[in-house]
């Protein structure tokens, strides 16, 4: 008996599995109409601090959390160190170097750095803080509205320019409060722009591909449906 070969279904775009509707003016807009801002936060070596300094940091952290009237998300991302740019500069120095001895030393050093990173698998840690804004909660979302949002979580809500600007303004107030609270713990934070946000999500959902294929510049990306 001959088995019928199953017909392969056309590929489904990866975007359809994501809850992200768009990245707009440095803000992530989800399909349910809520907004997200992502902050890149610096780090401190807590273990090297004195006991008094550690207690002060813990107290500042408690005050920071108690000052918030909205949830936040802390994300720690471990990423393999990318030295492509540094290696490119070394190659340029090698080509410009006229002294044969110095040129050979640059070649040996470049080879050493590459082997060190490859063998040791040196990782970089990045710390992110996600600040949300849900306009429906601001208006005291009713019971039925909550049920509908749970039953239809992937429904895409399109925001007009006026609504988006209003929601973004409210989101930025939260962002500024969070940045001020982090400064009380000697932490610096910067809000990711559109390019950085897309690169972040690209690395999260394509960790292996990111190592071999760099993301295209945002201005040259073709948006589906255009």
N, C-alpha and C. Protein backbone atom coordinates (compact mmCIF):
# COMPACT_ATOMS: atom_id res chain seq x y z
N UNK A 1 0.85 -1.20 0.00
CA UNK A 1 0.00 0.00 0.00
C UNK A 1 0.88 1.24 0.00
N UNK A 2 0.59 2.13 -0.94
CA UNK A 2 1.40 3.31 -1.05
C UNK A 2 0.93 4.38 -0.08
N UNK A 3 1.86 4.91 0.67
CA UNK A 3 1.50 5.97 1.62
C UNK A 3 1.49 7.30 0.89
N UNK A 4 0.46 8.08 1.17
CA UNK A 4 0.37 9.40 0.55
C UNK A 4 1.27 10.38 1.27
N UNK A 5 2.00 11.12 0.48
CA UNK A 5 2.91 12.09 1.07
C UNK A 5 2.12 13.31 1.55
N UNK A 6 2.34 13.64 2.82
CA UNK A 6 1.62 14.78 3.40
C UNK A 6 2.08 16.08 2.77
N UNK A 7 1.11 16.89 2.43
CA UNK A 7 1.45 18.18 1.85
C UNK A 7 1.91 19.14 2.95
N UNK A 8 3.03 19.77 2.70
CA UNK A 8 3.56 20.70 3.70
C UNK A 8 2.78 22.00 3.65
N UNK A 9 2.42 22.47 4.80
CA UNK A 9 1.68 23.71 4.91
C UNK A 9 2.63 24.89 4.74
N UNK A 10 2.13 25.95 4.15
CA UNK A 10 3.00 27.13 3.99
C UNK A 10 3.46 27.64 5.33
N UNK A 11 4.67 28.17 5.38
CA UNK A 11 5.25 28.65 6.62
C UNK A 11 4.46 29.80 7.21
N UNK A 12 4.33 29.79 8.50
CA UNK A 12 3.62 30.86 9.21
C UNK A 12 4.66 31.86 9.72
N UNK A 13 4.49 33.15 9.43
CA UNK A 13 5.46 34.14 9.90
C UNK A 13 5.61 34.09 11.41
N UNK A 14 6.85 34.27 11.88
CA UNK A 14 7.11 34.23 13.32
C UNK A 14 6.36 35.34 14.06
N UNK A 15 6.10 36.46 13.34
CA UNK A 15 5.43 37.59 13.98
C UNK A 15 4.04 37.21 14.48
N UNK A 16 3.40 36.21 13.84
CA UNK A 16 2.04 35.85 14.24
C UNK A 16 2.01 35.20 15.62
N UNK A 17 3.15 34.67 16.08
CA UNK A 17 3.20 34.04 17.40
C UNK A 17 3.54 35.04 18.50
N UNK A 18 3.94 36.23 18.13
CA UNK A 18 4.33 37.23 19.11
C UNK A 18 3.13 38.09 19.50
N UNK A 19 3.18 38.60 20.70
CA UNK A 19 2.11 39.47 21.19
C UNK A 19 2.40 40.93 20.90
N UNK A 20 3.38 41.19 20.04
CA UNK A 20 3.80 42.55 19.73
C UNK A 20 3.12 43.00 18.44
N UNK A 21 2.42 44.13 18.51
CA UNK A 21 1.78 44.68 17.31
C UNK A 21 2.76 45.52 16.52
N UNK A 22 3.55 46.36 17.22
CA UNK A 22 4.51 47.22 16.53
C UNK A 22 5.46 47.83 17.56
N UNK A 23 6.58 48.33 17.06
CA UNK A 23 7.49 49.14 17.86
C UNK A 23 7.44 50.54 17.27
N UNK A 24 6.98 51.47 18.07
CA UNK A 24 6.63 52.80 17.55
C UNK A 24 7.16 53.89 18.47
N UNK A 25 8.00 54.75 17.92
CA UNK A 25 8.54 55.89 18.67
C UNK A 25 9.15 55.45 20.00
N UNK A 26 9.99 54.44 19.94
CA UNK A 26 10.73 53.93 21.10
C UNK A 26 9.83 53.22 22.12
N UNK A 27 8.64 52.84 21.71
CA UNK A 27 7.69 52.18 22.59
C UNK A 27 7.20 50.90 21.94
N UNK A 28 7.07 49.83 22.73
CA UNK A 28 6.52 48.58 22.25
C UNK A 28 5.02 48.59 22.46
N UNK A 29 4.27 48.41 21.38
CA UNK A 29 2.81 48.37 21.44
C UNK A 29 2.37 46.92 21.28
N UNK A 30 1.69 46.38 22.28
CA UNK A 30 1.20 45.01 22.22
C UNK A 30 -0.14 44.96 21.50
N UNK A 31 -0.54 43.72 21.14
CA UNK A 31 -1.76 43.56 20.35
C UNK A 31 -3.02 43.90 21.13
N UNK A 32 -2.93 43.92 22.45
CA UNK A 32 -4.11 44.28 23.25
C UNK A 32 -4.19 45.78 23.52
N UNK A 33 -3.29 46.57 22.90
CA UNK A 33 -3.33 48.01 23.06
C UNK A 33 -2.50 48.55 24.20
N UNK A 34 -1.88 47.69 25.00
CA UNK A 34 -1.04 48.15 26.10
C UNK A 34 0.35 48.51 25.57
N UNK A 35 1.07 49.32 26.33
CA UNK A 35 2.38 49.81 25.93
C UNK A 35 3.46 49.31 26.88
N UNK A 36 4.68 49.23 26.35
CA UNK A 36 5.83 48.84 27.15
C UNK A 36 7.02 49.72 26.79
N UNK A 37 7.73 50.18 27.82
CA UNK A 37 9.02 50.84 27.65
C UNK A 37 10.07 49.94 28.28
N UNK A 38 11.22 49.83 27.64
CA UNK A 38 12.28 48.95 28.13
C UNK A 38 13.49 49.81 28.48
N UNK A 39 13.96 49.67 29.70
CA UNK A 39 15.13 50.41 30.17
C UNK A 39 16.33 49.48 30.29
N UNK A 40 17.46 49.94 29.79
CA UNK A 40 18.72 49.24 30.02
C UNK A 40 19.34 49.82 31.28
N UNK A 41 19.59 48.96 32.27
CA UNK A 41 20.01 49.42 33.60
C UNK A 41 21.43 48.96 33.88
N UNK A 42 22.21 49.84 34.49
CA UNK A 42 23.57 49.48 34.87
C UNK A 42 23.54 48.54 36.07
N UNK A 43 24.69 48.08 36.49
CA UNK A 43 24.77 47.15 37.62
C UNK A 43 25.78 47.65 38.64
N UNK A 44 25.68 47.10 39.85
CA UNK A 44 26.65 47.39 40.90
C UNK A 44 27.10 46.06 41.50
N UNK A 45 28.32 46.03 42.00
CA UNK A 45 28.83 44.82 42.64
C UNK A 45 28.47 44.88 44.12
N UNK A 46 27.34 44.25 44.43
CA UNK A 46 26.80 44.31 45.80
C UNK A 46 27.75 43.66 46.80
N UNK A 47 28.43 42.59 46.39
CA UNK A 47 29.30 41.84 47.31
C UNK A 47 30.51 42.65 47.76
N UNK A 48 30.94 43.60 46.92
CA UNK A 48 32.12 44.40 47.27
C UNK A 48 31.78 45.62 48.13
N UNK A 49 30.51 45.85 48.36
CA UNK A 49 30.11 46.98 49.18
C UNK A 49 30.27 46.64 50.67
N UNK A 50 30.47 47.68 51.46
CA UNK A 50 30.53 47.48 52.90
C UNK A 50 29.14 47.14 53.43
N UNK A 51 29.07 46.71 54.67
CA UNK A 51 27.77 46.33 55.25
C UNK A 51 26.82 47.52 55.29
N UNK A 52 27.35 48.69 55.65
CA UNK A 52 26.50 49.88 55.69
C UNK A 52 25.99 50.23 54.30
N UNK A 53 26.87 50.11 53.30
CA UNK A 53 26.46 50.41 51.92
C UNK A 53 25.42 49.41 51.44
N UNK A 54 25.60 48.14 51.79
CA UNK A 54 24.63 47.12 51.39
C UNK A 54 23.26 47.39 52.01
N UNK A 55 23.25 47.75 53.30
CA UNK A 55 21.99 48.07 53.97
C UNK A 55 21.30 49.28 53.34
N UNK A 56 22.11 50.27 52.95
CA UNK A 56 21.55 51.46 52.32
C UNK A 56 20.93 51.12 50.96
N UNK A 57 21.59 50.23 50.22
CA UNK A 57 21.07 49.83 48.91
C UNK A 57 19.77 49.06 49.07
N UNK A 58 19.73 48.16 50.05
CA UNK A 58 18.51 47.38 50.29
C UNK A 58 17.35 48.29 50.70
N UNK A 59 17.62 49.24 51.57
CA UNK A 59 16.58 50.19 51.99
C UNK A 59 16.09 51.02 50.80
N UNK A 60 17.03 51.46 49.96
CA UNK A 60 16.65 52.24 48.78
C UNK A 60 15.81 51.41 47.82
N UNK A 61 16.15 50.13 47.71
CA UNK A 61 15.38 49.24 46.83
C UNK A 61 13.96 49.04 47.37
N UNK A 62 13.84 48.88 48.69
CA UNK A 62 12.52 48.73 49.30
C UNK A 62 11.68 49.99 49.08
N UNK A 63 12.29 51.15 49.26
CA UNK A 63 11.57 52.41 49.06
C UNK A 63 11.15 52.56 47.60
N UNK A 64 12.03 52.11 46.71
CA UNK A 64 11.72 52.18 45.28
C UNK A 64 10.50 51.33 44.93
N UNK A 65 10.47 50.10 45.44
CA UNK A 65 9.34 49.21 45.16
C UNK A 65 8.05 49.74 45.79
N UNK A 66 8.16 50.26 47.01
CA UNK A 66 6.96 50.77 47.69
C UNK A 66 6.40 52.03 47.01
N UNK A 67 7.25 52.73 46.27
CA UNK A 67 6.80 53.96 45.61
C UNK A 67 6.03 53.69 44.32
N UNK A 68 6.10 52.45 43.83
CA UNK A 68 5.45 52.12 42.55
C UNK A 68 3.99 51.72 42.78
N UNK A 69 3.11 52.20 41.93
CA UNK A 69 1.71 51.77 41.96
C UNK A 69 1.36 51.00 40.69
N UNK A 70 2.38 50.44 40.04
CA UNK A 70 2.19 49.64 38.84
C UNK A 70 3.27 48.54 38.83
N UNK A 71 3.01 47.43 38.16
CA UNK A 71 4.00 46.35 38.13
C UNK A 71 5.16 46.67 37.20
N UNK A 72 6.31 46.09 37.49
CA UNK A 72 7.47 46.19 36.61
C UNK A 72 8.02 44.79 36.39
N UNK A 73 8.79 44.63 35.34
CA UNK A 73 9.41 43.35 35.04
C UNK A 73 10.92 43.54 34.93
N UNK A 74 11.67 42.71 35.64
CA UNK A 74 13.13 42.74 35.59
C UNK A 74 13.61 41.56 34.76
N UNK A 75 14.40 41.84 33.73
CA UNK A 75 14.88 40.80 32.83
C UNK A 75 16.41 40.83 32.81
N UNK A 76 17.01 39.67 33.03
CA UNK A 76 18.47 39.53 32.97
C UNK A 76 18.79 38.65 31.77
N UNK A 77 19.55 39.19 30.85
CA UNK A 77 19.88 38.46 29.62
C UNK A 77 21.38 38.17 29.58
N UNK A 78 21.72 36.90 29.42
CA UNK A 78 23.11 36.50 29.25
C UNK A 78 23.36 36.30 27.76
N UNK A 79 24.33 37.00 27.25
CA UNK A 79 24.60 36.95 25.81
C UNK A 79 26.10 36.73 25.60
N UNK A 80 26.40 35.89 24.65
CA UNK A 80 27.82 35.65 24.35
C UNK A 80 28.46 36.93 23.86
N UNK A 81 29.66 37.20 24.37
CA UNK A 81 30.33 38.45 24.05
C UNK A 81 30.61 38.55 22.55
N UNK A 82 30.21 39.67 21.98
CA UNK A 82 30.44 39.92 20.56
C UNK A 82 31.64 40.85 20.40
N UNK A 83 32.70 40.34 19.78
CA UNK A 83 33.93 41.13 19.63
C UNK A 83 34.20 41.45 18.16
N UNK A 84 33.19 41.35 17.32
CA UNK A 84 33.40 41.59 15.89
C UNK A 84 33.92 42.98 15.61
N UNK A 85 33.33 43.97 16.27
CA UNK A 85 33.77 45.35 16.04
C UNK A 85 35.20 45.55 16.50
N UNK A 86 35.54 44.98 17.67
CA UNK A 86 36.91 45.10 18.19
C UNK A 86 37.91 44.40 17.27
N UNK A 87 37.54 43.22 16.78
CA UNK A 87 38.42 42.49 15.88
C UNK A 87 38.60 43.24 14.57
N UNK A 88 37.55 43.91 14.12
CA UNK A 88 37.67 44.70 12.89
C UNK A 88 38.66 45.84 13.05
N UNK A 89 38.64 46.49 14.23
CA UNK A 89 39.61 47.56 14.48
C UNK A 89 41.03 47.03 14.51
N UNK A 90 41.21 45.84 15.08
CA UNK A 90 42.54 45.23 15.11
C UNK A 90 43.03 44.91 13.70
N UNK A 91 42.12 44.46 12.82
CA UNK A 91 42.51 44.18 11.44
C UNK A 91 42.92 45.46 10.72
N UNK A 92 42.21 46.55 11.00
CA UNK A 92 42.57 47.83 10.40
C UNK A 92 43.95 48.28 10.87
N UNK A 93 44.22 48.12 12.17
CA UNK A 93 45.54 48.48 12.71
C UNK A 93 46.63 47.61 12.09
N UNK A 94 46.32 46.35 11.87
CA UNK A 94 47.29 45.44 11.26
C UNK A 94 47.64 45.87 9.84
N UNK A 95 46.62 46.27 9.07
CA UNK A 95 46.87 46.67 7.69
C UNK A 95 47.60 48.01 7.61
N UNK A 96 47.38 48.89 8.58
CA UNK A 96 48.02 50.20 8.56
C UNK A 96 49.43 50.17 9.13
N UNK A 97 49.75 49.13 9.88
CA UNK A 97 51.05 49.05 10.54
C UNK A 97 52.15 48.72 9.52
N UNK A 98 53.17 49.57 9.46
CA UNK A 98 54.28 49.39 8.52
C UNK A 98 55.41 48.57 9.13
N UNK A 99 55.48 48.57 10.45
CA UNK A 99 56.54 47.80 11.11
C UNK A 99 56.15 46.33 11.11
N UNK A 100 56.99 45.49 10.52
CA UNK A 100 56.68 44.06 10.38
C UNK A 100 56.53 43.39 11.74
N UNK A 101 57.40 43.74 12.69
CA UNK A 101 57.35 43.11 14.02
C UNK A 101 56.04 43.46 14.73
N UNK A 102 55.68 44.74 14.70
CA UNK A 102 54.43 45.15 15.36
C UNK A 102 53.22 44.53 14.66
N UNK A 103 53.27 44.42 13.35
CA UNK A 103 52.16 43.82 12.62
C UNK A 103 51.97 42.36 13.03
N UNK A 104 53.06 41.63 13.19
CA UNK A 104 52.98 40.23 13.61
C UNK A 104 52.45 40.11 15.04
N UNK A 105 52.80 41.08 15.88
CA UNK A 105 52.30 41.06 17.26
C UNK A 105 50.79 41.30 17.28
N UNK A 106 50.31 42.17 16.40
CA UNK A 106 48.86 42.41 16.32
C UNK A 106 48.15 41.15 15.85
N UNK A 107 48.75 40.44 14.88
CA UNK A 107 48.16 39.19 14.39
C UNK A 107 48.08 38.16 15.51
N UNK A 108 49.16 38.03 16.28
CA UNK A 108 49.17 37.07 17.39
C UNK A 108 48.15 37.46 18.46
N UNK A 109 48.07 38.75 18.75
CA UNK A 109 47.13 39.21 19.78
C UNK A 109 45.68 38.97 19.32
N UNK A 110 45.38 39.25 18.05
CA UNK A 110 44.04 39.05 17.52
C UNK A 110 43.65 37.57 17.60
N UNK A 111 44.61 36.70 17.28
CA UNK A 111 44.35 35.27 17.35
C UNK A 111 44.12 34.82 18.80
N UNK A 112 44.89 35.41 19.72
CA UNK A 112 44.76 35.05 21.14
C UNK A 112 43.39 35.46 21.68
N UNK A 113 42.94 36.68 21.34
CA UNK A 113 41.65 37.17 21.83
C UNK A 113 40.52 36.31 21.30
N UNK A 114 40.58 35.96 20.03
CA UNK A 114 39.53 35.13 19.43
C UNK A 114 39.46 33.76 20.08
N UNK A 115 40.62 33.13 20.30
CA UNK A 115 40.64 31.82 20.94
C UNK A 115 40.14 31.91 22.38
N UNK A 116 40.49 32.98 23.08
CA UNK A 116 40.07 33.15 24.47
C UNK A 116 38.56 33.25 24.56
N UNK A 117 37.95 34.05 23.69
CA UNK A 117 36.50 34.22 23.72
C UNK A 117 35.79 32.94 23.29
N UNK A 118 36.34 32.25 22.28
CA UNK A 118 35.70 31.02 21.78
C UNK A 118 35.79 29.89 22.80
N UNK A 119 36.95 29.71 23.40
CA UNK A 119 37.15 28.59 24.32
C UNK A 119 36.48 28.84 25.67
N UNK A 120 36.62 30.04 26.18
CA UNK A 120 36.07 30.35 27.50
C UNK A 120 34.58 30.65 27.46
N UNK A 121 34.04 30.90 26.26
CA UNK A 121 32.63 31.25 26.11
C UNK A 121 32.24 32.37 27.08
N UNK A 122 32.97 33.46 26.96
CA UNK A 122 32.74 34.61 27.83
C UNK A 122 31.37 35.21 27.55
N UNK A 123 30.60 35.41 28.61
CA UNK A 123 29.24 35.91 28.48
C UNK A 123 29.13 37.33 29.04
N UNK A 124 28.24 38.09 28.45
CA UNK A 124 27.91 39.41 28.95
C UNK A 124 26.50 39.38 29.51
N UNK A 125 26.31 40.04 30.64
CA UNK A 125 24.98 40.13 31.24
C UNK A 125 24.42 41.53 31.02
N UNK A 126 23.19 41.57 30.56
CA UNK A 126 22.49 42.84 30.37
C UNK A 126 21.24 42.83 31.26
N UNK A 127 21.00 43.95 31.89
CA UNK A 127 19.88 44.07 32.83
C UNK A 127 18.85 45.05 32.26
N UNK A 128 17.62 44.56 32.15
CA UNK A 128 16.54 45.38 31.58
C UNK A 128 15.39 45.48 32.59
N UNK A 129 14.72 46.60 32.52
CA UNK A 129 13.53 46.81 33.35
C UNK A 129 12.40 47.25 32.42
N UNK A 130 11.30 46.52 32.45
CA UNK A 130 10.17 46.79 31.57
C UNK A 130 9.09 47.56 32.33
N UNK A 131 8.72 48.70 31.79
CA UNK A 131 7.69 49.54 32.41
C UNK A 131 6.43 49.45 31.55
N UNK A 132 5.30 48.99 32.12
CA UNK A 132 4.07 48.84 31.33
C UNK A 132 3.12 50.01 31.51
N UNK A 133 2.19 50.10 30.56
CA UNK A 133 1.06 51.03 30.71
C UNK A 133 -0.16 50.40 30.06
N UNK A 134 -1.20 50.21 30.85
CA UNK A 134 -2.46 49.65 30.36
C UNK A 134 -3.53 50.71 30.50
N UNK A 135 -3.95 51.33 29.39
CA UNK A 135 -4.94 52.42 29.47
C UNK A 135 -6.28 51.96 30.04
N UNK A 136 -6.61 50.70 29.90
CA UNK A 136 -7.90 50.22 30.42
C UNK A 136 -7.91 50.19 31.94
N UNK A 137 -6.76 49.92 32.54
CA UNK A 137 -6.69 49.91 34.00
C UNK A 137 -6.77 51.31 34.57
N UNK A 138 -6.30 52.29 33.78
CA UNK A 138 -6.37 53.67 34.24
C UNK A 138 -7.83 54.11 34.39
N UNK A 139 -8.70 53.50 33.58
CA UNK A 139 -10.12 53.86 33.65
C UNK A 139 -10.91 52.87 34.47
N UNK A 140 -10.24 52.15 35.40
CA UNK A 140 -10.91 51.17 36.25
C UNK A 140 -11.69 50.14 35.43
N UNK A 141 -10.94 49.31 34.79
CA UNK A 141 -11.50 48.30 33.90
C UNK A 141 -12.51 47.42 34.63
N UNK A 142 -13.68 47.23 34.01
CA UNK A 142 -14.75 46.46 34.62
C UNK A 142 -14.52 44.97 34.53
N UNK A 143 -15.40 44.22 35.23
CA UNK A 143 -15.27 42.76 35.28
C UNK A 143 -15.40 42.14 33.90
N UNK A 144 -16.41 42.56 33.13
CA UNK A 144 -16.63 41.99 31.79
C UNK A 144 -15.49 42.34 30.85
N UNK A 145 -14.92 43.53 30.99
CA UNK A 145 -13.78 43.91 30.15
C UNK A 145 -12.59 43.02 30.44
N UNK A 146 -12.39 42.67 31.72
CA UNK A 146 -11.29 41.78 32.07
C UNK A 146 -11.50 40.39 31.49
N UNK A 147 -12.75 39.90 31.56
CA UNK A 147 -13.06 38.59 30.99
C UNK A 147 -12.81 38.58 29.49
N UNK A 148 -13.22 39.63 28.81
CA UNK A 148 -13.03 39.70 27.36
C UNK A 148 -11.56 39.76 26.99
N UNK A 149 -10.75 40.46 27.78
CA UNK A 149 -9.32 40.55 27.48
C UNK A 149 -8.63 39.22 27.69
N UNK A 150 -9.15 38.39 28.63
CA UNK A 150 -8.57 37.07 28.87
C UNK A 150 -8.97 36.11 27.74
N UNK A 151 -10.23 36.19 27.30
CA UNK A 151 -10.72 35.28 26.27
C UNK A 151 -10.16 35.63 24.90
N UNK A 152 -9.86 36.90 24.66
CA UNK A 152 -9.32 37.32 23.36
C UNK A 152 -8.02 38.08 23.56
N UNK A 153 -6.97 37.41 24.08
CA UNK A 153 -5.73 38.12 24.38
C UNK A 153 -4.95 38.52 23.14
N UNK A 154 -5.16 37.85 21.99
CA UNK A 154 -4.37 38.14 20.81
C UNK A 154 -5.08 39.11 19.86
N UNK A 155 -6.22 39.65 20.27
CA UNK A 155 -6.92 40.60 19.41
C UNK A 155 -6.10 41.87 19.28
N UNK A 156 -5.83 42.28 18.06
CA UNK A 156 -5.02 43.46 17.83
C UNK A 156 -5.87 44.72 17.91
N UNK A 157 -5.43 45.64 18.74
CA UNK A 157 -6.11 46.92 18.89
C UNK A 157 -5.24 47.99 18.24
N UNK A 158 -5.77 48.68 17.25
CA UNK A 158 -5.02 49.70 16.55
C UNK A 158 -5.23 51.05 17.25
N UNK A 159 -4.13 51.71 17.57
CA UNK A 159 -4.20 52.98 18.26
C UNK A 159 -4.09 54.13 17.27
N UNK A 160 -4.96 55.09 17.41
CA UNK A 160 -4.85 56.30 16.60
C UNK A 160 -3.66 57.11 17.11
N UNK A 161 -3.20 58.05 16.28
CA UNK A 161 -2.06 58.88 16.68
C UNK A 161 -2.34 59.64 17.97
N UNK A 162 -3.55 60.15 18.09
CA UNK A 162 -3.91 60.94 19.28
C UNK A 162 -3.91 60.07 20.53
N UNK A 163 -4.50 58.88 20.44
CA UNK A 163 -4.52 57.98 21.60
C UNK A 163 -3.11 57.50 21.94
N UNK A 164 -2.34 57.22 20.91
CA UNK A 164 -0.98 56.75 21.17
C UNK A 164 -0.16 57.81 21.90
N UNK A 165 -0.25 59.04 21.45
CA UNK A 165 0.52 60.12 22.09
C UNK A 165 0.08 60.30 23.54
N UNK A 166 -1.22 60.18 23.79
CA UNK A 166 -1.73 60.31 25.16
C UNK A 166 -1.22 59.18 26.04
N UNK A 167 -1.26 57.95 25.52
CA UNK A 167 -0.80 56.81 26.29
C UNK A 167 0.72 56.86 26.50
N UNK A 168 1.44 57.28 25.47
CA UNK A 168 2.89 57.37 25.59
C UNK A 168 3.28 58.41 26.64
N UNK A 169 2.56 59.52 26.67
CA UNK A 169 2.83 60.57 27.65
C UNK A 169 2.69 60.02 29.08
N UNK A 170 1.63 59.24 29.32
CA UNK A 170 1.43 58.63 30.63
C UNK A 170 2.53 57.61 30.93
N UNK A 171 2.94 56.87 29.91
CA UNK A 171 4.01 55.89 30.08
C UNK A 171 5.32 56.57 30.44
N UNK A 172 5.62 57.70 29.80
CA UNK A 172 6.87 58.40 30.06
C UNK A 172 6.93 58.95 31.48
N UNK A 173 5.78 59.30 32.05
CA UNK A 173 5.76 59.72 33.46
C UNK A 173 6.23 58.59 34.36
N UNK A 174 5.77 57.37 34.04
CA UNK A 174 6.22 56.20 34.81
C UNK A 174 7.70 55.96 34.61
N UNK A 175 8.15 56.08 33.37
CA UNK A 175 9.56 55.85 33.06
C UNK A 175 10.45 56.81 33.85
N UNK A 176 10.09 58.07 33.86
CA UNK A 176 10.88 59.08 34.59
C UNK A 176 10.90 58.78 36.09
N UNK A 177 9.77 58.33 36.64
CA UNK A 177 9.74 57.98 38.06
C UNK A 177 10.64 56.78 38.35
N UNK A 178 10.63 55.80 37.46
CA UNK A 178 11.47 54.62 37.65
C UNK A 178 12.94 55.00 37.57
N UNK A 179 13.31 55.81 36.60
CA UNK A 179 14.72 56.22 36.45
C UNK A 179 15.18 56.98 37.69
N UNK A 180 14.32 57.85 38.22
CA UNK A 180 14.66 58.61 39.43
C UNK A 180 14.83 57.67 40.62
N UNK A 181 13.97 56.64 40.72
CA UNK A 181 14.10 55.68 41.81
C UNK A 181 15.36 54.85 41.70
N UNK A 182 15.75 54.49 40.49
CA UNK A 182 16.98 53.71 40.29
C UNK A 182 18.22 54.53 40.64
N UNK A 183 18.16 55.82 40.38
CA UNK A 183 19.30 56.68 40.71
C UNK A 183 19.55 56.72 42.21
N UNK A 184 18.51 56.49 43.00
CA UNK A 184 18.68 56.43 44.45
C UNK A 184 19.49 55.23 44.89
N UNK A 185 19.64 54.23 44.02
CA UNK A 185 20.47 53.06 44.30
C UNK A 185 21.78 53.11 43.52
N UNK A 186 22.13 54.30 43.01
CA UNK A 186 23.34 54.50 42.20
C UNK A 186 23.31 53.67 40.92
N UNK A 187 22.11 53.49 40.37
CA UNK A 187 21.95 52.77 39.12
C UNK A 187 21.54 53.75 38.02
N UNK A 188 22.20 53.64 36.89
CA UNK A 188 21.85 54.46 35.75
C UNK A 188 20.97 53.66 34.79
N UNK A 189 20.02 54.33 34.18
CA UNK A 189 19.11 53.66 33.25
C UNK A 189 18.87 54.54 32.04
N UNK A 190 18.76 53.90 30.89
CA UNK A 190 18.46 54.61 29.65
C UNK A 190 17.37 53.84 28.92
N UNK A 191 16.44 54.57 28.35
CA UNK A 191 15.33 53.95 27.63
C UNK A 191 15.79 53.56 26.23
N UNK A 192 15.50 52.32 25.84
CA UNK A 192 15.90 51.84 24.53
C UNK A 192 15.09 52.52 23.44
N UNK A 193 15.77 52.89 22.33
CA UNK A 193 15.06 53.47 21.20
C UNK A 193 14.53 52.36 20.30
N UNK A 194 13.90 52.75 19.20
CA UNK A 194 13.26 51.77 18.31
C UNK A 194 14.25 50.76 17.77
N UNK A 195 15.41 51.22 17.31
CA UNK A 195 16.43 50.32 16.76
C UNK A 195 16.89 49.33 17.82
N UNK A 196 17.16 49.82 19.02
CA UNK A 196 17.64 48.96 20.10
C UNK A 196 16.58 47.95 20.53
N UNK A 197 15.31 48.37 20.53
CA UNK A 197 14.23 47.46 20.90
C UNK A 197 14.11 46.30 19.90
N UNK A 198 14.16 46.62 18.62
CA UNK A 198 14.04 45.58 17.60
C UNK A 198 15.23 44.64 17.67
N UNK A 199 16.43 45.17 17.90
CA UNK A 199 17.61 44.32 18.04
C UNK A 199 17.49 43.43 19.27
N UNK A 200 16.93 43.96 20.35
CA UNK A 200 16.75 43.17 21.57
C UNK A 200 15.83 41.99 21.32
N UNK A 201 14.68 42.25 20.73
CA UNK A 201 13.73 41.16 20.46
C UNK A 201 14.28 40.19 19.41
N UNK A 202 15.08 40.70 18.49
CA UNK A 202 15.70 39.84 17.49
C UNK A 202 16.66 38.85 18.14
N UNK A 203 17.44 39.33 19.10
CA UNK A 203 18.39 38.44 19.79
C UNK A 203 17.67 37.47 20.71
N UNK A 204 16.54 37.90 21.30
CA UNK A 204 15.81 37.03 22.21
C UNK A 204 15.17 35.86 21.46
N UNK A 205 14.56 36.16 20.32
CA UNK A 205 13.84 35.12 19.58
C UNK A 205 14.70 34.41 18.54
N UNK A 206 15.89 34.96 18.26
CA UNK A 206 16.80 34.32 17.31
C UNK A 206 18.22 34.29 17.87
N UNK A 207 18.44 33.66 19.02
CA UNK A 207 19.76 33.72 19.66
C UNK A 207 20.87 33.09 18.83
N UNK A 208 20.58 31.96 18.18
CA UNK A 208 21.61 31.29 17.38
C UNK A 208 21.82 32.01 16.05
N UNK A 209 20.73 32.45 15.45
CA UNK A 209 20.83 33.15 14.17
C UNK A 209 21.56 34.47 14.31
N UNK A 210 21.41 35.11 15.48
CA UNK A 210 22.04 36.42 15.69
C UNK A 210 23.55 36.33 15.64
N UNK A 211 24.10 35.16 16.01
CA UNK A 211 25.55 35.00 16.01
C UNK A 211 26.12 34.96 14.60
N UNK A 212 25.33 34.52 13.63
CA UNK A 212 25.84 34.37 12.26
C UNK A 212 25.25 35.37 11.29
N UNK A 213 24.08 35.92 11.62
CA UNK A 213 23.40 36.83 10.70
C UNK A 213 22.92 38.05 11.45
N UNK A 214 23.58 39.18 11.22
CA UNK A 214 23.22 40.41 11.91
C UNK A 214 21.92 40.98 11.37
N UNK A 215 21.21 41.68 12.23
CA UNK A 215 19.93 42.23 11.84
C UNK A 215 20.10 43.40 10.90
N UNK A 216 19.20 43.52 9.94
CA UNK A 216 19.19 44.64 9.01
C UNK A 216 18.80 45.91 9.74
N UNK A 217 19.33 47.03 9.27
CA UNK A 217 18.96 48.30 9.87
C UNK A 217 17.46 48.52 9.75
N UNK A 218 16.87 49.13 10.78
CA UNK A 218 15.42 49.29 10.83
C UNK A 218 14.89 50.02 9.61
N UNK A 219 15.61 51.02 9.17
CA UNK A 219 15.15 51.80 8.03
C UNK A 219 15.08 51.02 6.73
N UNK A 220 15.76 49.86 6.70
CA UNK A 220 15.77 49.06 5.47
C UNK A 220 14.89 47.82 5.59
N UNK A 221 14.22 47.66 6.73
CA UNK A 221 13.35 46.50 6.91
C UNK A 221 12.06 46.67 6.12
N UNK A 222 11.58 45.57 5.55
CA UNK A 222 10.31 45.60 4.83
C UNK A 222 9.22 45.14 5.76
N UNK A 223 8.27 46.00 6.01
CA UNK A 223 7.18 45.70 6.92
C UNK A 223 6.13 44.88 6.20
N UNK A 224 5.70 43.77 6.83
CA UNK A 224 4.71 42.90 6.23
C UNK A 224 3.40 43.65 6.03
N UNK A 225 2.84 43.53 4.82
CA UNK A 225 1.57 44.16 4.53
C UNK A 225 1.72 45.48 3.80
N UNK A 226 2.97 46.01 3.73
CA UNK A 226 3.16 47.26 3.02
C UNK A 226 3.27 46.98 1.51
